[in-house]
């Protein structure tokens, strides 16, 4: 996992992104499409057309970092293009990167009932 501070926000760019883009192209998308400063220290996550590749852009205070993950099977759960930008938690990002549906995670245990 990316070692980011606890108060860091995570932004998903809804819809499809051209995965040929690198540091500069994705930073420009973070600024124009997500309306965020790419040098803010927040994480910006983009998904490709096929849905099996994501790229994460992050300014760590010293330089721009670009992380990529491709799933061997399946695809990343992603919001529709109409959603624009979505803020998620770091826990939801961890689930997303593992290929888990981060929108509706289910507990594996049942709470005790009073009575």
PDB file of N, CA and C in Angstrom:
ATOM      1  N   UNK A   1       0.843  -1.190   0.000  1.00  0.00           N
ATOM      2  CA  UNK A   1       0.000   0.000   0.000  1.00  0.00           C
ATOM      3  C   UNK A   1       0.879   1.241   0.000  1.00  0.00           C
ATOM      4  N   UNK A   2       0.351   2.308  -0.502  1.00  0.00           N
ATOM      5  CA  UNK A   2       1.071   3.567  -0.599  1.00  0.00           C
ATOM      6  C   UNK A   2       1.133   4.210   0.788  1.00  0.00           C
ATOM      7  N   UNK A   3       2.322   4.569   1.281  1.00  0.00           N
ATOM      8  CA  UNK A   3       2.453   5.122   2.640  1.00  0.00           C
ATOM      9  C   UNK A   3       2.077   6.599   2.715  1.00  0.00           C
ATOM     10  N   UNK A   4       0.789   6.888   2.783  1.00  0.00           N
ATOM     11  CA  UNK A   4       0.323   8.278   2.810  1.00  0.00           C
ATOM     12  C   UNK A   4      -0.174   8.644   4.204  1.00  0.00           C
ATOM     13  N   UNK A   5      -0.131   9.918   4.564  1.00  0.00           N
ATOM     14  CA  UNK A   5      -0.644  10.357   5.864  1.00  0.00           C
ATOM     15  C   UNK A   5      -2.136  10.053   6.010  1.00  0.00           C
ATOM     16  N   UNK A   6      -2.589   9.926   7.243  1.00  0.00           N
ATOM     17  CA  UNK A   6      -3.968   9.515   7.535  1.00  0.00           C
ATOM     18  C   UNK A   6      -5.017  10.491   7.006  1.00  0.00           C
ATOM     19  N   UNK A   7      -4.709  11.778   6.937  1.00  0.00           N
ATOM     20  CA  UNK A   7      -5.712  12.764   6.517  1.00  0.00           C
ATOM     21  C   UNK A   7      -5.737  13.005   5.006  1.00  0.00           C
ATOM     22  N   UNK A   8      -5.046  12.187   4.244  1.00  0.00           N
ATOM     23  CA  UNK A   8      -4.984  12.345   2.794  1.00  0.00           C
ATOM     24  C   UNK A   8      -6.300  11.937   2.146  1.00  0.00           C
ATOM     25  N   UNK A   9      -6.806  12.752   1.229  1.00  0.00           N
ATOM     26  CA  UNK A   9      -8.032  12.422   0.507  1.00  0.00           C
ATOM     27  C   UNK A   9      -7.702  11.596  -0.731  1.00  0.00           C
ATOM     28  N   UNK A  10      -8.666  10.762  -1.128  1.00  0.00           N
ATOM     29  CA  UNK A  10      -8.522   9.932  -2.317  1.00  0.00           C
ATOM     30  C   UNK A  10      -9.633  10.309  -3.284  1.00  0.00           C
ATOM     31  N   UNK A  11      -9.266  10.664  -4.502  1.00  0.00           N
ATOM     32  CA  UNK A  11     -10.229  11.087  -5.525  1.00  0.00           C
ATOM     33  C   UNK A  11     -10.214  10.114  -6.696  1.00  0.00           C
ATOM     34  N   UNK A  12     -11.399   9.634  -7.089  1.00  0.00           N
ATOM     35  CA  UNK A  12     -11.539   8.797  -8.271  1.00  0.00           C
ATOM     36  C   UNK A  12     -12.036   9.662  -9.415  1.00  0.00           C
ATOM     37  N   UNK A  13     -11.421   9.517 -10.570  1.00  0.00           N
ATOM     38  CA  UNK A  13     -11.911  10.179 -11.785  1.00  0.00           C
ATOM     39  C   UNK A  13     -12.906   9.219 -12.420  1.00  0.00           C
ATOM     40  N   UNK A  14     -14.194   9.528 -12.316  1.00  0.00           N
ATOM     41  CA  UNK A  14     -15.230   8.641 -12.846  1.00  0.00           C
ATOM     42  C   UNK A  14     -15.097   8.517 -14.359  1.00  0.00           C
ATOM     43  N   UNK A  15     -15.533   7.386 -14.883  1.00  0.00           N
ATOM     44  CA  UNK A  15     -15.442   7.159 -16.315  1.00  0.00           C
ATOM     45  C   UNK A  15     -14.099   6.582 -16.706  1.00  0.00           C
ATOM     46  N   UNK A  16     -13.773   6.674 -17.988  1.00  0.00           N
ATOM     47  CA  UNK A  16     -12.551   6.071 -18.537  1.00  0.00           C
ATOM     48  C   UNK A  16     -11.490   7.126 -18.765  1.00  0.00           C
ATOM     49  N   UNK A  17     -10.243   6.712 -18.575  1.00  0.00           N
ATOM     50  CA  UNK A  17      -9.097   7.590 -18.801  1.00  0.00           C
ATOM     51  C   UNK A  17      -8.159   6.906 -19.786  1.00  0.00           C
ATOM     52  N   UNK A  18      -7.540   7.680 -20.643  1.00  0.00           N
ATOM     53  CA  UNK A  18      -6.541   7.159 -21.573  1.00  0.00           C
ATOM     54  C   UNK A  18      -5.306   6.764 -20.763  1.00  0.00           C
ATOM     55  N   UNK A  19      -5.040   5.479 -20.662  1.00  0.00           N
ATOM     56  CA  UNK A  19      -3.944   4.998 -19.826  1.00  0.00           C
ATOM     57  C   UNK A  19      -2.565   5.199 -20.451  1.00  0.00           C
ATOM     58  N   UNK A  20      -2.509   5.789 -21.633  1.00  0.00           N
ATOM     59  CA  UNK A  20      -1.209   6.151 -22.199  1.00  0.00           C
ATOM     60  C   UNK A  20      -0.650   7.390 -21.519  1.00  0.00           C
ATOM     61  N   UNK A  21      -1.483   8.104 -20.773  1.00  0.00           N
ATOM     62  CA  UNK A  21      -1.045   9.315 -20.080  1.00  0.00           C
ATOM     63  C   UNK A  21      -0.080   8.961 -18.956  1.00  0.00           C
ATOM     64  N   UNK A  22       0.880   9.838 -18.770  1.00  0.00           N
ATOM     65  CA  UNK A  22       1.861   9.676 -17.703  1.00  0.00           C
ATOM     66  C   UNK A  22       1.669  10.740 -16.633  1.00  0.00           C
ATOM     67  N   UNK A  23       2.760  11.115 -15.990  1.00  0.00           N
ATOM     68  CA  UNK A  23       2.719  12.092 -14.901  1.00  0.00           C
ATOM     69  C   UNK A  23       2.012  13.386 -15.303  1.00  0.00           C
ATOM     70  N   UNK A  24       2.486  14.015 -16.364  1.00  0.00           N
ATOM     71  CA  UNK A  24       1.970  15.325 -16.753  1.00  0.00           C
ATOM     72  C   UNK A  24       0.516  15.265 -17.217  1.00  0.00           C
ATOM     73  N   UNK A  25       0.169  14.273 -18.027  1.00  0.00           N
ATOM     74  CA  UNK A  25      -1.196  14.149 -18.521  1.00  0.00           C
ATOM     75  C   UNK A  25      -2.200  13.890 -17.414  1.00  0.00           C
ATOM     76  N   UNK A  26      -1.834  13.017 -16.473  1.00  0.00           N
ATOM     77  CA  UNK A  26      -2.742  12.727 -15.359  1.00  0.00           C
ATOM     78  C   UNK A  26      -2.828  13.907 -14.396  1.00  0.00           C
ATOM     79  N   UNK A  27      -1.712  14.616 -14.193  1.00  0.00           N
ATOM     80  CA  UNK A  27      -1.743  15.811 -13.340  1.00  0.00           C
ATOM     81  C   UNK A  27      -2.666  16.862 -13.952  1.00  0.00           C
ATOM     82  N   UNK A  28      -2.640  16.973 -15.281  1.00  0.00           N
ATOM     83  CA  UNK A  28      -3.524  17.917 -15.958  1.00  0.00           C
ATOM     84  C   UNK A  28      -4.991  17.507 -15.773  1.00  0.00           C
ATOM     85  N   UNK A  29      -5.280  16.206 -15.829  1.00  0.00           N
ATOM     86  CA  UNK A  29      -6.647  15.735 -15.592  1.00  0.00           C
ATOM     87  C   UNK A  29      -7.080  15.995 -14.159  1.00  0.00           C
ATOM     88  N   UNK A  30      -6.177  15.795 -13.201  1.00  0.00           N
ATOM     89  CA  UNK A  30      -6.506  16.065 -11.800  1.00  0.00           C
ATOM     90  C   UNK A  30      -6.894  17.533 -11.625  1.00  0.00           C
ATOM     91  N   UNK A  31      -6.199  18.384 -12.356  1.00  0.00           N
ATOM     92  CA  UNK A  31      -6.461  19.820 -12.247  1.00  0.00           C
ATOM     93  C   UNK A  31      -7.716  20.231 -13.003  1.00  0.00           C
ATOM     94  N   UNK A  32      -7.898  19.756 -14.227  1.00  0.00           N
ATOM     95  CA  UNK A  32      -9.014  20.223 -15.048  1.00  0.00           C
ATOM     96  C   UNK A  32     -10.307  19.449 -14.803  1.00  0.00           C
ATOM     97  N   UNK A  33     -10.248  18.127 -14.755  1.00  0.00           N
ATOM     98  CA  UNK A  33     -11.462  17.315 -14.611  1.00  0.00           C
ATOM     99  C   UNK A  33     -11.897  17.207 -13.146  1.00  0.00           C
ATOM    100  N   UNK A  34     -10.931  16.951 -12.258  1.00  0.00           N
ATOM    101  CA  UNK A  34     -11.261  16.780 -10.841  1.00  0.00           C
ATOM    102  C   UNK A  34     -11.277  18.093 -10.076  1.00  0.00           C
ATOM    103  N   UNK A  35     -10.799  19.159 -10.687  1.00  0.00           N
ATOM    104  CA  UNK A  35     -10.735  20.487 -10.049  1.00  0.00           C
ATOM    105  C   UNK A  35      -9.964  20.439  -8.735  1.00  0.00           C
ATOM    106  N   UNK A  36      -8.842  19.734  -8.750  1.00  0.00           N
ATOM    107  CA  UNK A  36      -7.994  19.612  -7.571  1.00  0.00           C
ATOM    108  C   UNK A  36      -6.552  19.957  -7.943  1.00  0.00           C
ATOM    109  N   UNK A  37      -5.786  20.373  -6.962  1.00  0.00           N
ATOM    110  CA  UNK A  37      -4.364  20.665  -7.164  1.00  0.00           C
ATOM    111  C   UNK A  37      -3.592  19.351  -7.119  1.00  0.00           C
ATOM    112  N   UNK A  38      -2.925  18.960  -8.209  1.00  0.00           N
ATOM    113  CA  UNK A  38      -2.194  17.694  -8.205  1.00  0.00           C
ATOM    114  C   UNK A  38      -1.015  17.679  -7.232  1.00  0.00           C
ATOM    115  N   UNK A  39      -0.600  18.835  -6.749  1.00  0.00           N
ATOM    116  CA  UNK A  39       0.505  18.926  -5.797  1.00  0.00           C
ATOM    117  C   UNK A  39       0.014  19.091  -4.359  1.00  0.00           C
ATOM    118  N   UNK A  40      -1.230  18.729  -4.093  1.00  0.00           N
ATOM    119  CA  UNK A  40      -1.838  18.884  -2.771  1.00  0.00           C
ATOM    120  C   UNK A  40      -1.471  17.756  -1.814  1.00  0.00           C
ATOM    121  N   UNK A  41      -0.954  16.657  -2.341  1.00  0.00           N
ATOM    122  CA  UNK A  41      -0.667  15.501  -1.495  1.00  0.00           C
ATOM    123  C   UNK A  41      -1.795  14.491  -1.482  1.00  0.00           C
ATOM    124  N   UNK A  42      -2.891  14.791  -2.167  1.00  0.00           N
ATOM    125  CA  UNK A  42      -4.007  13.849  -2.264  1.00  0.00           C
ATOM    126  C   UNK A  42      -3.694  12.792  -3.316  1.00  0.00           C
ATOM    127  N   UNK A  43      -4.426  11.686  -3.274  1.00  0.00           N
ATOM    128  CA  UNK A  43      -4.275  10.621  -4.261  1.00  0.00           C
ATOM    129  C   UNK A  43      -5.337  10.793  -5.345  1.00  0.00           C
ATOM    130  N   UNK A  44      -4.936  10.619  -6.586  1.00  0.00           N
ATOM    131  CA  UNK A  44      -5.840  10.727  -7.723  1.00  0.00           C
ATOM    132  C   UNK A  44      -5.792   9.398  -8.475  1.00  0.00           C
ATOM    133  N   UNK A  45      -6.945   8.753  -8.592  1.00  0.00           N
ATOM    134  CA  UNK A  45      -7.011   7.407  -9.149  1.00  0.00           C
ATOM    135  C   UNK A  45      -7.778   7.450 -10.466  1.00  0.00           C
ATOM    136  N   UNK A  46      -7.193   6.816 -11.493  1.00  0.00           N
ATOM    137  CA  UNK A  46      -7.763   6.794 -12.830  1.00  0.00           C
ATOM    138  C   UNK A  46      -7.853   5.344 -13.306  1.00  0.00           C
ATOM    139  N   UNK A  47      -8.925   5.022 -14.059  1.00  0.00           N
ATOM    140  CA  UNK A  47      -9.115   3.670 -14.588  1.00  0.00           C
ATOM    141  C   UNK A  47      -9.160   3.696 -16.102  1.00  0.00           C
ATOM    142  N   UNK A  48      -8.595   2.665 -16.710  1.00  0.00           N
ATOM    143  CA  UNK A  48      -8.579   2.555 -18.162  1.00  0.00           C
ATOM    144  C   UNK A  48      -9.888   2.039 -18.736  1.00  0.00           C
ATOM    145  N   UNK A  49      -9.950   2.004 -20.050  1.00  0.00           N
ATOM    146  CA  UNK A  49     -11.154   1.606 -20.778  1.00  0.00           C
ATOM    147  C   UNK A  49     -11.560   0.168 -20.498  1.00  0.00           C
ATOM    148  N   UNK A  50     -10.607  -0.740 -20.460  1.00  0.00           N
ATOM    149  CA  UNK A  50     -10.927  -2.163 -20.237  1.00  0.00           C
ATOM    150  C   UNK A  50     -11.320  -2.457 -18.794  1.00  0.00           C
ATOM    151  N   UNK A  51     -10.944  -1.583 -17.871  1.00  0.00           N
ATOM    152  CA  UNK A  51     -11.333  -1.755 -16.471  1.00  0.00           C
ATOM    153  C   UNK A  51     -10.389  -2.596 -15.648  1.00  0.00           C
ATOM    154  N   UNK A  52      -9.319  -3.113 -16.260  1.00  0.00           N
ATOM    155  CA  UNK A  52      -8.400  -3.962 -15.507  1.00  0.00           C
ATOM    156  C   UNK A  52      -7.125  -3.232 -15.084  1.00  0.00           C
ATOM    157  N   UNK A  53      -7.020  -1.934 -15.393  1.00  0.00           N
ATOM    158  CA  UNK A  53      -5.830  -1.151 -15.075  1.00  0.00           C
ATOM    159  C   UNK A  53      -6.220   0.141 -14.375  1.00  0.00           C
ATOM    160  N   UNK A  54      -5.559   0.434 -13.263  1.00  0.00           N
ATOM    161  CA  UNK A  54      -5.709   1.738 -12.605  1.00  0.00           C
ATOM    162  C   UNK A  54      -4.334   2.352 -12.428  1.00  0.00           C
ATOM    163  N   UNK A  55      -4.317   3.684 -12.416  1.00  0.00           N
ATOM    164  CA  UNK A  55      -3.106   4.443 -12.109  1.00  0.00           C
ATOM    165  C   UNK A  55      -3.437   5.401 -10.978  1.00  0.00           C
ATOM    166  N   UNK A  56      -2.506   5.528 -10.038  1.00  0.00           N
ATOM    167  CA  UNK A  56      -2.659   6.413  -8.887  1.00  0.00           C
ATOM    168  C   UNK A  56      -1.548   7.455  -8.952  1.00  0.00           C
ATOM    169  N   UNK A  57      -1.941   8.719  -8.948  1.00  0.00           N
ATOM    170  CA  UNK A  57      -1.003   9.832  -8.986  1.00  0.00           C
ATOM    171  C   UNK A  57      -0.941  10.460  -7.600  1.00  0.00           C
ATOM    172  N   UNK A  58       0.283  10.727  -7.116  1.00  0.00           N
ATOM    173  CA  UNK A  58       0.447  11.263  -5.754  1.00  0.00           C
ATOM    174  C   UNK A  58       1.703  12.107  -5.660  1.00  0.00           C
ATOM    175  N   UNK A  59       1.574  13.288  -5.093  1.00  0.00           N
ATOM    176  CA  UNK A  59       2.714  14.151  -4.783  1.00  0.00           C
ATOM    177  C   UNK A  59       3.116  13.857  -3.352  1.00  0.00           C
ATOM    178  N   UNK A  60       4.322  13.336  -3.125  1.00  0.00           N
ATOM    179  CA  UNK A  60       4.743  12.941  -1.779  1.00  0.00           C
ATOM    180  C   UNK A  60       5.505  14.030  -1.044  1.00  0.00           C
ATOM    181  N   UNK A  61       5.565  15.225  -1.626  1.00  0.00           N
ATOM    182  CA  UNK A  61       6.278  16.326  -1.002  1.00  0.00           C
ATOM    183  C   UNK A  61       7.643  16.537  -1.615  1.00  0.00           C
ATOM    184  N   UNK A  62       8.183  15.508  -2.262  1.00  0.00           N
ATOM    185  CA  UNK A  62       9.485  15.620  -2.918  1.00  0.00           C
ATOM    186  C   UNK A  62       9.381  15.492  -4.428  1.00  0.00           C
ATOM    187  N   UNK A  63       8.361  14.780  -4.867  1.00  0.00           N
ATOM    188  CA  UNK A  63       8.190  14.566  -6.297  1.00  0.00           C
ATOM    189  C   UNK A  63       6.872  13.859  -6.570  1.00  0.00           C
ATOM    190  N   UNK A  64       6.534  13.778  -7.841  1.00  0.00           N
ATOM    191  CA  UNK A  64       5.297  13.128  -8.264  1.00  0.00           C
ATOM    192  C   UNK A  64       5.551  11.625  -8.370  1.00  0.00           C
ATOM    193  N   UNK A  65       4.619  10.842  -7.805  1.00  0.00           N
ATOM    194  CA  UNK A  65       4.693   9.380  -7.855  1.00  0.00           C
ATOM    195  C   UNK A  65       3.544   8.865  -8.712  1.00  0.00           C
ATOM    196  N   UNK A  66       3.797   7.836  -9.486  1.00  0.00           N
ATOM    197  CA  UNK A  66       2.773   7.232 -10.321  1.00  0.00           C
ATOM    198  C   UNK A  66       2.812   5.730 -10.092  1.00  0.00           C
ATOM    199  N   UNK A  67       1.716   5.209  -9.556  1.00  0.00           N
ATOM    200  CA  UNK A  67       1.590   3.785  -9.280  1.00  0.00           C
ATOM    201  C   UNK A  67       0.566   3.203 -10.238  1.00  0.00           C
ATOM    202  N   UNK A  68       0.795   1.981 -10.680  1.00  0.00           N
ATOM    203  CA  UNK A  68      -0.145   1.319 -11.581  1.00  0.00           C
ATOM    204  C   UNK A  68      -0.404  -0.095 -11.079  1.00  0.00           C
ATOM    205  N   UNK A  69      -1.642  -0.566 -11.283  1.00  0.00           N
ATOM    206  CA  UNK A  69      -1.980  -1.944 -10.957  1.00  0.00           C
ATOM    207  C   UNK A  69      -2.892  -2.489 -12.041  1.00  0.00           C
ATOM    208  N   UNK A  70      -2.559  -3.689 -12.508  1.00  0.00           N
ATOM    209  CA  UNK A  70      -3.380  -4.377 -13.502  1.00  0.00           C
ATOM    210  C   UNK A  70      -3.831  -5.694 -12.899  1.00  0.00           C
ATOM    211  N   UNK A  71      -5.132  -5.956 -12.974  1.00  0.00           N
ATOM    212  CA  UNK A  71      -5.677  -7.219 -12.484  1.00  0.00           C
ATOM    213  C   UNK A  71      -5.494  -8.297 -13.542  1.00  0.00           C
ATOM    214  N   UNK A  72      -5.118  -9.479 -13.121  1.00  0.00           N
ATOM    215  CA  UNK A  72      -4.996 -10.607 -14.035  1.00  0.00           C
ATOM    216  C   UNK A  72      -6.358 -11.111 -14.481  1.00  0.00           C
ATOM    217  N   UNK A  73      -7.330 -11.065 -13.556  1.00  0.00           N
ATOM    218  CA  UNK A  73      -8.710 -11.466 -13.866  1.00  0.00           C
ATOM    219  C   UNK A  73      -9.660 -10.454 -13.258  1.00  0.00           C
ATOM    220  N   UNK A  74     -10.781 -10.240 -13.920  1.00  0.00           N
ATOM    221  CA  UNK A  74     -11.785  -9.322 -13.402  1.00  0.00           C
ATOM    222  C   UNK A  74     -11.474  -7.880 -13.755  1.00  0.00           C
ATOM    223  N   UNK A  75     -12.232  -6.970 -13.147  1.00  0.00           N
ATOM    224  CA  UNK A  75     -12.033  -5.545 -13.385  1.00  0.00           C
ATOM    225  C   UNK A  75     -12.298  -4.774 -12.102  1.00  0.00           C
ATOM    226  N   UNK A  76     -11.773  -3.572 -12.061  1.00  0.00           N
ATOM    227  CA  UNK A  76     -11.961  -2.705 -10.906  1.00  0.00           C
ATOM    228  C   UNK A  76     -13.377  -2.135 -10.916  1.00  0.00           C
ATOM    229  N   UNK A  77     -14.029  -2.121  -9.741  1.00  0.00           N
ATOM    230  CA  UNK A  77     -15.363  -1.527  -9.617  1.00  0.00           C
ATOM    231  C   UNK A  77     -15.188  -0.018  -9.703  1.00  0.00           C
ATOM    232  N   UNK A  78     -15.994   0.613 -10.577  1.00  0.00           N
ATOM    233  CA  UNK A  78     -15.777   2.029 -10.866  1.00  0.00           C
ATOM    234  C   UNK A  78     -17.105   2.763 -10.991  1.00  0.00           C
ATOM    235  N   UNK A  79     -17.173   4.034 -10.568  1.00  0.00           N
ATOM    236  CA  UNK A  79     -18.409   4.816 -10.716  1.00  0.00           C
ATOM    237  C   UNK A  79     -18.661   5.177 -12.183  1.00  0.00           C
ATOM    238  N   UNK A  80     -19.899   5.499 -12.502  1.00  0.00           N
ATOM    239  CA  UNK A  80     -20.252   5.854 -13.879  1.00  0.00           C
ATOM    240  C   UNK A  80     -19.700   7.238 -14.221  1.00  0.00           C
ATOM    241  N   UNK A  81     -19.544   7.536 -15.514  1.00  0.00           N
ATOM    242  CA  UNK A  81     -19.016   8.843 -15.918  1.00  0.00           C
ATOM    243  C   UNK A  81     -19.871  10.013 -15.434  1.00  0.00           C
ATOM    244  N   UNK A  82     -21.159   9.780 -15.238  1.00  0.00           N
ATOM    245  CA  UNK A  82     -22.045  10.856 -14.790  1.00  0.00           C
ATOM    246  C   UNK A  82     -21.697  11.327 -13.375  1.00  0.00           C
ATOM    247  N   UNK A  83     -21.006  10.482 -12.609  1.00  0.00           N
ATOM    248  CA  UNK A  83     -20.660  10.835 -11.230  1.00  0.00           C
ATOM    249  C   UNK A  83     -19.548  11.879 -11.151  1.00  0.00           C
ATOM    250  N   UNK A  84     -18.799  12.088 -12.221  1.00  0.00           N
ATOM    251  CA  UNK A  84     -17.739  13.091 -12.232  1.00  0.00           C
ATOM    252  C   UNK A  84     -16.547  12.671 -11.408  1.00  0.00           C
ATOM    253  N   UNK A  85     -16.483  13.133 -10.202  1.00  0.00           N
ATOM    254  CA  UNK A  85     -15.393  12.759  -9.287  1.00  0.00           C
ATOM    255  C   UNK A  85     -15.995  12.218  -8.009  1.00  0.00           C
ATOM    256  N   UNK A  86     -15.334  11.280  -7.415  1.00  0.00           N
ATOM    257  CA  UNK A  86     -15.813  10.625  -6.203  1.00  0.00           C
ATOM    258  C   UNK A  86     -14.685  10.652  -5.172  1.00  0.00           C
ATOM    259  N   UNK A  87     -15.012  11.055  -3.951  1.00  0.00           N
ATOM    260  CA  UNK A  87     -14.051  10.987  -2.843  1.00  0.00           C
ATOM    261  C   UNK A  87     -14.300   9.686  -2.099  1.00  0.00           C
ATOM    262  N   UNK A  88     -13.250   8.911  -1.875  1.00  0.00           N
ATOM    263  CA  UNK A  88     -13.361   7.664  -1.120  1.00  0.00           C
ATOM    264  C   UNK A  88     -12.340   7.674   0.002  1.00  0.00           C
ATOM    265  N   UNK A  89     -12.495   6.754   0.936  1.00  0.00           N
ATOM    266  CA  UNK A  89     -11.556   6.652   2.055  1.00  0.00           C
ATOM    267  C   UNK A  89     -10.355   5.807   1.640  1.00  0.00           C
ATOM    268  N   UNK A  90      -9.320   5.855   2.456  1.00  0.00           N
ATOM    269  CA  UNK A  90      -8.148   5.027   2.178  1.00  0.00           C
ATOM    270  C   UNK A  90      -8.485   3.545   2.310  1.00  0.00           C
ATOM    271  N   UNK A  91      -9.408   3.203   3.199  1.00  0.00           N
ATOM    272  CA  UNK A  91      -9.843   1.809   3.332  1.00  0.00           C
ATOM    273  C   UNK A  91     -10.566   1.354   2.074  1.00  0.00           C
ATOM    274  N   UNK A  92     -11.405   2.231   1.508  1.00  0.00           N
ATOM    275  CA  UNK A  92     -12.090   1.894   0.261  1.00  0.00           C
ATOM    276  C   UNK A  92     -11.091   1.753  -0.887  1.00  0.00           C
ATOM    277  N   UNK A  93     -10.043   2.578  -0.896  1.00  0.00           N
ATOM    278  CA  UNK A  93      -9.007   2.452  -1.914  1.00  0.00           C
ATOM    279  C   UNK A  93      -8.308   1.105  -1.798  1.00  0.00           C
ATOM    280  N   UNK A  94      -8.016   0.681  -0.573  1.00  0.00           N
ATOM    281  CA  UNK A  94      -7.367  -0.621  -0.373  1.00  0.00           C
ATOM    282  C   UNK A  94      -8.246  -1.744  -0.920  1.00  0.00           C
ATOM    283  N   UNK A  95      -9.564  -1.659  -0.678  1.00  0.00           N
ATOM    284  CA  UNK A  95     -10.483  -2.670  -1.209  1.00  0.00           C
ATOM    285  C   UNK A  95     -10.514  -2.617  -2.732  1.00  0.00           C
ATOM    286  N   UNK A  96     -10.580  -1.413  -3.287  1.00  0.00           N
ATOM    287  CA  UNK A  96     -10.605  -1.257  -4.734  1.00  0.00           C
ATOM    288  C   UNK A  96      -9.378  -1.904  -5.365  1.00  0.00           C
ATOM    289  N   UNK A  97      -8.196  -1.636  -4.799  1.00  0.00           N
ATOM    290  CA  UNK A  97      -6.958  -2.181  -5.354  1.00  0.00           C
ATOM    291  C   UNK A  97      -6.870  -3.696  -5.219  1.00  0.00           C
ATOM    292  N   UNK A  98      -7.637  -4.279  -4.305  1.00  0.00           N
ATOM    293  CA  UNK A  98      -7.676  -5.734  -4.164  1.00  0.00           C
ATOM    294  C   UNK A  98      -8.744  -6.367  -5.039  1.00  0.00           C
ATOM    295  N   UNK A  99      -9.494  -5.548  -5.779  1.00  0.00           N
ATOM    296  CA  UNK A  99     -10.539  -6.074  -6.642  1.00  0.00           C
ATOM    297  C   UNK A  99     -11.847  -6.328  -5.920  1.00  0.00           C
ATOM    298  N   UNK A 100     -12.013  -5.741  -4.739  1.00  0.00           N
ATOM    299  CA  UNK A 100     -13.226  -5.901  -3.929  1.00  0.00           C
ATOM    300  C   UNK A 100     -14.181  -4.753  -4.238  1.00  0.00           C
ATOM    301  N   UNK A 101     -15.478  -5.037  -4.244  1.00  0.00           N
ATOM    302  CA  UNK A 101     -16.469  -3.982  -4.454  1.00  0.00           C
ATOM    303  C   UNK A 101     -16.476  -3.071  -3.226  1.00  0.00           C
ATOM    304  N   UNK A 102     -15.850  -1.925  -3.317  1.00  0.00           N
ATOM    305  CA  UNK A 102     -15.680  -0.997  -2.200  1.00  0.00           C
ATOM    306  C   UNK A 102     -16.957  -0.243  -1.881  1.00  0.00           C
ATOM    307  N   UNK A 103     -17.951  -0.267  -2.783  1.00  0.00           N
ATOM    308  CA  UNK A 103     -19.186   0.499  -2.563  1.00  0.00           C
ATOM    309  C   UNK A 103     -20.082  -0.136  -1.515  1.00  0.00           C
ATOM    310  N   UNK A 104     -20.127  -1.457  -1.460  1.00  0.00           N
ATOM    311  CA  UNK A 104     -21.007  -2.152  -0.515  1.00  0.00           C
ATOM    312  C   UNK A 104     -20.273  -3.306   0.152  1.00  0.00           C
ATOM    313  N   UNK A 105     -19.244  -3.009   0.941  1.00  0.00           N
ATOM    314  CA  UNK A 105     -18.560  -4.107   1.627  1.00  0.00           C
ATOM    315  C   UNK A 105     -19.476  -4.737   2.678  1.00  0.00           C
ATOM    316  N   UNK A 106     -19.328  -6.018   2.859  1.00  0.00           N
ATOM    317  CA  UNK A 106     -20.159  -6.733   3.833  1.00  0.00           C
ATOM    318  C   UNK A 106     -19.288  -7.271   4.950  1.00  0.00           C
ATOM    319  N   UNK A 107     -19.829  -7.184   6.158  1.00  0.00           N
ATOM    320  CA  UNK A 107     -19.121  -7.733   7.312  1.00  0.00           C
ATOM    321  C   UNK A 107     -19.192  -9.255   7.275  1.00  0.00           C
ATOM    322  N   UNK A 108     -18.168  -9.879   7.805  1.00  0.00           N
ATOM    323  CA  UNK A 108     -18.150 -11.338   7.863  1.00  0.00           C
ATOM    324  C   UNK A 108     -18.699 -11.866   9.170  1.00  0.00           C
ATOM    325  N   UNK A 109     -19.132 -10.977  10.055  1.00  0.00           N
ATOM    326  CA  UNK A 109     -19.676 -11.394  11.335  1.00  0.00           C
ATOM    327  C   UNK A 109     -21.006 -10.680  11.558  1.00  0.00           C
ATOM    328  N   UNK A 110     -21.799 -11.241  12.383  1.00  0.00           N
ATOM    329  CA  UNK A 110     -23.086 -10.639  12.735  1.00  0.00           C
ATOM    330  C   UNK A 110     -22.988 -10.047  14.144  1.00  0.00           C
ATOM    331  N   UNK A 111     -23.458  -8.806  14.347  1.00  0.00           N
ATOM    332  CA  UNK A 111     -23.404  -8.222  15.679  1.00  0.00           C
ATOM    333  C   UNK A 111     -24.321  -8.964  16.642  1.00  0.00           C
ATOM    334  N   UNK A 112     -23.933  -8.979  17.888  1.00  0.00           N
ATOM    335  CA  UNK A 112     -24.763  -9.622  18.917  1.00  0.00           C
ATOM    336  C   UNK A 112     -26.039  -8.796  19.129  1.00  0.00           C
ATOM    337  N   UNK A 113     -27.125  -9.463  19.309  1.00  0.00           N
ATOM    338  CA  UNK A 113     -28.383  -8.750  19.567  1.00  0.00           C
ATOM    339  C   UNK A 113     -28.627  -8.704  21.068  1.00  0.00           C
ATOM    340  N   UNK A 114     -29.165  -7.594  21.508  1.00  0.00           N
ATOM    341  CA  UNK A 114     -29.497  -7.449  22.925  1.00  0.00           C
ATOM    342  C   UNK A 114     -30.815  -8.157  23.211  1.00  0.00           C
ATOM    343  N   UNK A 115     -30.861  -8.801  24.300  1.00  0.00           N
ATOM    344  CA  UNK A 115     -32.148  -9.396  24.575  1.00  0.00           C
ATOM    345  C   UNK A 115     -32.057 -10.533  25.421  1.00  0.00           C
TER     346      UNK A 115
END
